Amino acid sequence: ATCSLLLTFWVVVRRRSQVVRASQPLFLIMICIGTLVMGSAIITLTFDDEIYEQHALDIACMSTPWLGSIGFTIAFSALFAKTW
């Protein structure tokens, strides 16, 4: 997650450089956001049943595949749009 945020910051700072412009900054940021959302799916797997209530665990369990799927869709839609 930290790597995604740092790379997003790097793209925003260097968006006027020739390399980043050739890579299209919008697509680079979309890939970083997608990997950030996919990475946040791991956080929901760390909830322990001794600490949290069952309702919170159910929500975390249901959000894991959603975050993974949405993150994958965001990241790969940028790649597919570039190759279209």
Protein backbone atom coordinates (compact mmCIF):
# COMPACT_ATOMS: atom_id res chain seq x y z
CA ALA A 1 0.00 0.00 0.00
CA THR A 2 2.82 2.37 0.85
CA CYS A 3 4.53 1.63 -2.44
CA SER A 4 1.35 2.51 -4.35
CA LEU A 5 1.05 5.82 -2.54
CA LEU A 6 4.72 6.66 -3.06
CA LEU A 7 4.56 5.83 -6.75
CA THR A 8 1.39 7.89 -7.16
CA PHE A 9 3.15 10.82 -5.52
CA TRP A 10 6.17 10.28 -7.79
CA VAL A 11 3.97 10.29 -10.90
CA VAL A 12 2.22 13.49 -9.81
CA VAL A 13 5.51 15.25 -9.06
CA ARG A 14 7.17 14.14 -12.30
CA ARG A 15 4.12 14.29 -14.58
CA ARG A 16 5.83 16.82 -16.87
CA SER A 17 8.92 14.69 -17.50
CA GLN A 18 9.26 13.02 -20.85
CA VAL A 19 9.21 9.45 -19.48
CA VAL A 20 6.04 9.92 -17.44
CA ARG A 21 4.28 11.79 -20.25
CA ALA A 22 5.09 8.94 -22.63
CA SER A 23 3.63 6.47 -20.11
CA GLN A 24 0.47 8.57 -19.72
CA PRO A 25 0.16 9.67 -16.08
CA LEU A 26 -3.58 9.01 -15.86
CA PHE A 27 -3.08 5.33 -16.57
CA LEU A 28 -0.13 5.12 -14.17
CA ILE A 29 -2.24 6.62 -11.39
CA MET A 30 -5.11 4.24 -12.21
CA ILE A 31 -2.75 1.29 -11.85
CA CYS A 32 -1.48 2.63 -8.52
CA ILE A 33 -5.03 3.11 -7.22
CA GLY A 34 -5.99 -0.38 -8.34
CA THR A 35 -3.03 -1.95 -6.56
CA LEU A 36 -3.80 0.11 -3.46
CA VAL A 37 -7.38 -1.20 -3.40
CA MET A 38 -6.17 -4.77 -3.99
CA GLY A 39 -3.62 -4.38 -1.22
CA SER A 40 -6.28 -3.13 1.18
CA ALA A 41 -8.06 -6.48 0.79
CA ILE A 42 -5.25 -8.03 2.81
CA ILE A 43 -6.03 -5.77 5.78
CA THR A 44 -9.51 -7.27 6.13
CA LEU A 45 -7.97 -10.73 6.46
CA THR A 46 -6.08 -9.73 9.60
CA PHE A 47 -9.16 -9.26 11.81
CA ASP A 48 -9.12 -11.66 14.76
CA ASP A 49 -12.28 -13.20 16.20
CA GLU A 50 -11.00 -12.72 19.77
CA ILE A 51 -10.88 -8.94 19.35
CA TYR A 52 -13.78 -8.04 17.05
CA GLU A 53 -17.48 -8.87 17.14
CA GLN A 54 -18.98 -11.39 14.75
CA HIS A 55 -20.82 -8.70 12.80
CA ALA A 56 -17.57 -6.81 12.12
CA LEU A 57 -15.89 -10.05 11.06
CA ASP A 58 -18.73 -10.82 8.66
CA ILE A 59 -18.35 -7.40 7.05
CA ALA A 60 -14.59 -7.82 6.77
CA CYS A 61 -14.99 -11.27 5.27
CA MET A 62 -17.49 -10.04 2.69
CA SER A 63 -15.37 -7.01 1.74
CA THR A 64 -12.24 -9.05 0.95
CA PRO A 65 -13.36 -10.41 -2.44
CA TRP A 66 -15.00 -7.09 -3.31
CA LEU A 67 -11.82 -5.11 -2.69
CA GLY A 68 -9.74 -7.64 -4.59
CA SER A 69 -12.10 -7.68 -7.56
CA ILE A 70 -12.55 -3.92 -7.74
CA GLY A 71 -8.81 -3.31 -7.39
CA PHE A 72 -8.05 -5.85 -10.12
CA THR A 73 -10.64 -4.25 -12.39
CA ILE A 74 -9.23 -0.76 -11.89
CA ALA A 75 -5.62 -1.81 -12.42
CA PHE A 76 -6.22 -3.97 -15.47
CA SER A 77 -8.74 -1.63 -17.09
CA ALA A 78 -5.91 0.88 -17.39
CA LEU A 79 -3.71 -1.73 -19.03
CA PHE A 80 -6.44 -2.91 -21.39
CA ALA A 81 -7.34 0.67 -22.34
CA LYS A 82 -3.71 1.37 -23.25
CA THR A 83 -3.56 -1.63 -25.55
CA TRP A 84 -6.92 -0.96 -27.22
